[in-house]
Amino acid sequence: MSTAPSVDRFRRLARSSPWLWQTIEFRWRVYDGAERHAWIRRPGDLRVEDADGEPIQSAQTTKPFPGAMVGVRGGGWEPMPGRWPSAIDPPRDPDGLVTVVPDEVDVDYDSPFFENYHWVAMLNPVEFADPVHCRDRTGLPVDLTELAVVDHRGRRAWEALAQPTAVYDPRCDCCPLLAGGYDGENDAWIPGPPSRVRLDEETGVCVRIEQGGSLDLDVDIVRVDGTLDDALFVAPRRRLFRR
């Protein structure tokens, strides 16, 4: 097993998922204990099934979500056109990992979306590296220690003990990857206890979160960058019942 990555490389991997893979198939469990099976084909195709193989969601998103509202000539506001992450080329280190995520408000990092932003953060765990919304905050959002390279369900993963700080700024306050809560009065994160987290080395996806002996996330990646058939992403037809 190779030498553990540095803290800086762990952060770079946490930034890199949107640019490391095109298709992925995986099974996962979240905090409610439910097991699901998902296929993603970037930029916007998604299929999710339950443990019995019944489809929960199947859709193709053809356009990125619009960006911020901007002023237009003659007055008024309208959303700026959105872009997929693949439309931008962030600066990278010699290993191909992202050093800085461009602060562009028109890039759709959320699609394809499923249920809540915990899903989004699992697939793009940039909150381990940078404040997601308040880029001007000083200090590190997460302290990373005890780094190691481990085997996770037959795949190489980078593990770390992750302690959120007051600067921690998750993708969503309601479903962060790490413990604690947002204090709106003081505009700061009230850190909870540390979590042991893992990032898949090939994809940058967060594949495990363990906090206080409780397993909050467990992802089993089945296949990366394989060919996925269009039929996977066609929404099932509703049955028509006639009296």
Protein backbone atom coordinates (compact mmCIF):
# COMPACT_ATOMS: atom_id res chain seq x y z
CA MET A 1 0.00 0.00 0.00
CA SER A 2 1.43 3.38 -0.99
CA THR A 3 2.46 6.23 1.27
CA ALA A 4 -0.40 8.27 2.68
CA PRO A 5 -1.27 11.38 0.67
CA SER A 6 -0.54 14.82 2.06
CA VAL A 7 -3.30 17.01 3.48
CA ASP A 8 -3.01 19.29 0.44
CA ARG A 9 -3.41 16.36 -1.97
CA PHE A 10 -6.46 15.13 -0.02
CA ARG A 11 -8.02 18.58 -0.43
CA ARG A 12 -7.20 18.58 -4.14
CA LEU A 13 -8.88 15.19 -4.58
CA ALA A 14 -11.94 16.53 -2.73
CA ARG A 15 -12.17 19.33 -5.33
CA SER A 16 -11.71 17.12 -8.36
CA SER A 17 -14.68 14.77 -8.70
CA PRO A 18 -16.57 16.82 -11.34
CA TRP A 19 -13.60 16.37 -13.70
CA LEU A 20 -12.42 12.82 -12.90
CA TRP A 21 -15.18 10.62 -14.33
CA GLN A 22 -17.99 10.54 -16.88
CA THR A 23 -20.09 7.53 -15.84
CA ILE A 24 -20.42 5.66 -12.57
CA GLU A 25 -22.47 2.83 -11.11
CA PHE A 26 -22.66 2.34 -7.36
CA ARG A 27 -24.69 1.06 -4.43
CA TRP A 28 -24.89 3.01 -1.22
CA ARG A 29 -26.40 3.29 2.22
CA VAL A 30 -27.14 6.57 3.92
CA TYR A 31 -28.04 7.52 7.48
CA ASP A 32 -31.60 6.13 7.19
CA GLY A 33 -30.20 2.65 6.45
CA ALA A 34 -31.89 2.33 3.05
CA GLU A 35 -29.84 0.68 0.31
CA ARG A 36 -30.03 2.00 -3.24
CA HIS A 37 -28.42 1.41 -6.62
CA ALA A 38 -27.52 4.30 -8.94
CA TRP A 39 -26.15 4.95 -12.42
CA ILE A 40 -24.96 8.40 -13.52
CA ARG A 41 -23.91 9.50 -16.99
CA ARG A 42 -22.63 13.02 -16.99
CA PRO A 43 -23.62 15.66 -17.42
CA GLY A 44 -27.23 15.04 -16.36
CA ASP A 45 -28.44 11.43 -16.73
CA LEU A 46 -29.48 9.49 -13.64
CA ARG A 47 -31.16 6.26 -12.63
CA VAL A 48 -31.79 5.16 -9.03
CA GLU A 49 -33.35 1.88 -7.94
CA ASP A 50 -34.27 0.53 -4.52
CA ALA A 51 -32.83 -2.68 -3.05
CA ASP A 52 -35.47 -4.71 -4.94
CA GLY A 53 -34.55 -3.24 -8.31
CA GLU A 54 -37.62 -1.01 -8.52
CA PRO A 55 -36.93 2.38 -10.14
CA ILE A 56 -37.12 5.39 -7.85
CA GLN A 57 -35.91 8.01 -10.31
CA SER A 58 -34.88 7.86 -13.95
CA ALA A 59 -34.34 10.97 -16.00
CA GLN A 60 -32.18 12.81 -18.50
CA THR A 61 -31.31 16.43 -17.78
CA THR A 62 -30.36 18.07 -21.04
CA LYS A 63 -29.68 21.63 -19.87
CA PRO A 64 -27.65 22.85 -16.88
CA PHE A 65 -29.45 24.80 -14.20
CA PRO A 66 -29.38 28.57 -14.89
CA GLY A 67 -26.83 30.67 -13.04
CA ALA A 68 -27.29 33.79 -10.93
CA MET A 69 -29.76 36.55 -11.77
CA VAL A 70 -28.18 39.34 -13.77
CA GLY A 71 -29.38 42.73 -14.88
CA VAL A 72 -30.44 43.20 -18.48
CA ARG A 73 -30.52 46.21 -20.78
CA GLY A 74 -33.64 48.25 -20.24
CA GLY A 75 -34.02 47.13 -16.63
CA GLY A 76 -35.09 43.93 -14.96
CA TRP A 77 -33.35 40.68 -14.17
CA GLU A 78 -33.01 37.31 -15.82
CA PRO A 79 -31.01 34.15 -15.07
CA MET A 80 -27.70 33.81 -16.85
CA PRO A 81 -27.31 30.61 -18.90
CA GLY A 82 -25.88 27.70 -16.95
CA ARG A 83 -22.82 25.62 -17.83
CA TRP A 84 -21.76 22.08 -17.02
CA PRO A 85 -18.47 21.64 -15.10
CA SER A 86 -17.01 20.02 -18.23
CA ALA A 87 -17.25 23.42 -19.93
CA ILE A 88 -14.53 24.86 -17.69
CA ASP A 89 -10.95 23.75 -17.19
CA PRO A 90 -9.80 24.39 -13.60
CA PRO A 91 -6.10 24.68 -12.71
CA ARG A 92 -4.59 21.33 -11.75
CA ASP A 93 -1.46 19.91 -10.20
CA PRO A 94 0.84 17.53 -12.18
CA ASP A 95 -1.29 14.57 -11.00
CA GLY A 96 -4.39 16.08 -12.59
CA LEU A 97 -6.04 17.04 -9.30
CA VAL A 98 -7.77 20.42 -9.04
CA THR A 99 -5.88 23.11 -7.13
CA VAL A 100 -8.58 25.80 -7.30
CA VAL A 101 -12.27 25.42 -8.14
CA PRO A 102 -13.23 28.42 -10.30
CA ASP A 103 -15.63 30.74 -8.50
CA GLU A 104 -18.20 30.78 -11.28
CA VAL A 105 -21.85 31.20 -10.31
CA ASP A 106 -23.20 29.82 -13.60
CA VAL A 107 -21.73 26.29 -13.27
CA ASP A 108 -24.25 23.58 -12.38
CA TYR A 109 -22.55 21.31 -9.86
CA ASP A 110 -25.83 19.85 -8.53
CA SER A 111 -27.11 17.82 -11.50
CA PRO A 112 -28.17 15.12 -11.63
CA PHE A 113 -29.95 15.73 -8.32
CA PHE A 114 -31.47 13.05 -6.08
CA GLU A 115 -33.45 13.70 -2.88
CA ASN A 116 -31.19 16.21 -1.10
CA TYR A 117 -27.82 17.96 -1.07
CA HIS A 118 -26.16 15.21 0.94
CA TRP A 119 -26.21 13.32 -2.39
CA VAL A 120 -24.61 16.29 -4.16
CA ALA A 121 -21.88 16.60 -1.51
CA MET A 122 -21.22 12.85 -1.56
CA LEU A 123 -20.50 13.03 -5.31
CA ASN A 124 -18.60 16.33 -5.05
CA PRO A 125 -17.11 16.61 -1.53
CA VAL A 126 -15.44 19.97 -2.12
CA GLU A 127 -16.62 21.07 1.35
CA PHE A 128 -13.70 19.05 2.80
CA ALA A 129 -11.35 21.50 1.03
CA ASP A 130 -13.02 24.90 0.67
CA PRO A 131 -16.00 26.94 1.84
CA VAL A 132 -18.65 26.16 -0.77
CA HIS A 133 -20.51 29.48 -0.68
CA CYS A 134 -18.41 32.03 1.23
CA ARG A 135 -15.12 31.89 -0.63
CA ASP A 136 -13.82 35.02 1.13
CA ARG A 137 -13.72 33.37 4.56
CA THR A 138 -10.26 33.01 6.02
CA GLY A 139 -9.05 29.81 7.61
CA LEU A 140 -9.55 26.16 6.76
CA PRO A 141 -13.07 24.70 6.85
CA VAL A 142 -11.87 21.23 7.86
CA ASP A 143 -8.78 20.06 9.76
CA LEU A 144 -7.51 16.78 8.31
CA THR A 145 -5.33 14.38 10.29
CA GLU A 146 -4.47 10.64 10.40
CA LEU A 147 -4.30 10.32 6.62
CA ALA A 148 -3.91 6.86 5.13
CA VAL A 149 -4.44 4.91 1.92
CA VAL A 150 -6.95 2.12 2.57
CA ASP A 151 -8.91 -0.54 0.73
CA HIS A 152 -12.60 0.31 0.47
CA ARG A 153 -14.69 -2.49 -1.00
CA GLY A 154 -11.84 -3.53 -3.27
CA ARG A 155 -10.90 -0.01 -4.38
CA ARG A 156 -8.14 2.34 -3.23
CA ALA A 157 -9.38 5.18 -1.06
CA TRP A 158 -7.84 8.02 0.91
CA GLU A 159 -8.94 8.15 4.53
CA ALA A 160 -8.69 11.03 7.01
CA LEU A 161 -10.03 12.15 10.35
CA ALA A 162 -11.99 15.27 9.43
CA GLN A 163 -12.76 17.91 12.07
CA PRO A 164 -15.00 20.76 10.91
CA THR A 165 -14.08 24.26 12.06
CA ALA A 166 -16.09 27.46 12.48
CA VAL A 167 -15.29 28.21 8.82
CA TYR A 168 -16.90 24.96 7.58
CA ASP A 169 -19.37 25.91 4.86
CA PRO A 170 -21.14 22.80 3.51
CA ARG A 171 -23.13 22.50 0.31
CA CYS A 172 -26.28 22.62 2.47
CA ASP A 173 -26.60 23.42 6.17
CA CYS A 174 -29.43 20.90 6.51
CA CYS A 175 -27.48 17.89 5.20
CA PRO A 176 -23.74 18.45 5.66
CA LEU A 177 -21.19 15.67 5.37
CA LEU A 178 -19.71 16.53 8.77
CA ALA A 179 -21.27 17.02 12.20
CA GLY A 180 -22.40 20.29 13.75
CA GLY A 181 -24.81 23.07 12.89
CA TYR A 182 -24.92 26.58 11.45
CA ASP A 183 -25.19 29.55 13.82
CA GLY A 184 -26.95 32.20 11.76
CA GLU A 185 -26.56 34.90 14.39
CA ASN A 186 -22.77 34.69 14.31
CA ASP A 187 -22.49 33.39 10.72
CA ALA A 188 -20.35 30.48 11.85
CA TRP A 189 -20.45 26.71 12.02
CA ILE A 190 -20.73 25.15 15.46
CA PRO A 191 -18.44 22.15 14.98
CA GLY A 192 -19.50 18.70 16.06
CA PRO A 193 -17.11 15.82 16.74
CA PRO A 194 -14.73 14.64 13.99
CA SER A 195 -15.68 12.04 11.40
CA ARG A 196 -13.51 9.45 9.70
CA VAL A 197 -14.03 9.94 5.97
CA ARG A 198 -12.86 8.26 2.77
CA LEU A 199 -12.51 9.51 -0.78
CA ASP A 200 -12.32 7.07 -3.67
CA GLU A 201 -8.90 7.64 -5.22
CA GLU A 202 -10.03 7.33 -8.85
CA THR A 203 -13.22 9.41 -8.72
CA GLY A 204 -12.95 11.72 -5.70
CA VAL A 205 -16.40 10.55 -4.52
CA CYS A 206 -16.89 10.40 -0.75
CA VAL A 207 -17.45 6.68 -0.11
CA ARG A 208 -17.54 6.46 3.69
CA ILE A 209 -18.34 8.65 6.69
CA GLU A 210 -18.08 7.23 10.20
CA GLN A 211 -18.80 9.38 13.21
CA GLY A 212 -18.80 8.24 16.83
CA GLY A 213 -18.95 4.58 15.89
CA SER A 214 -21.95 5.19 13.62
CA LEU A 215 -21.70 4.64 9.88
CA ASP A 216 -23.36 7.63 8.19
CA LEU A 217 -22.43 6.77 4.61
CA ASP A 218 -21.14 3.69 2.81
CA VAL A 219 -20.70 3.62 -0.98
CA ASP A 220 -19.79 0.57 -3.03
CA ILE A 221 -18.58 1.70 -6.46
CA VAL A 222 -19.31 -1.02 -9.01
CA ARG A 223 -17.99 0.50 -12.24
CA VAL A 224 -16.44 3.75 -13.48
CA ASP A 225 -16.50 5.12 -17.03
CA GLY A 226 -18.24 2.11 -18.54
CA THR A 227 -20.77 2.42 -21.35
CA LEU A 228 -24.32 2.97 -20.10
CA ASP A 229 -27.31 2.30 -22.34
CA ASP A 230 -29.75 5.11 -23.08
CA ALA A 231 -32.63 2.90 -21.92
CA LEU A 232 -31.37 3.11 -18.34
CA PHE A 233 -32.32 6.76 -18.17
CA VAL A 234 -35.78 6.60 -19.69
CA ALA A 235 -38.46 7.27 -17.11
CA PRO A 236 -40.79 4.25 -16.73
CA ARG A 237 -44.25 4.70 -18.18
CA ARG A 238 -47.09 4.97 -15.73
CA ARG A 239 -49.62 2.20 -15.95
CA LEU A 240 -53.11 3.23 -16.90
CA PHE A 241 -55.86 1.51 -14.94
CA ARG A 242 -59.26 1.30 -16.57
CA ARG A 243 -62.46 0.36 -14.86
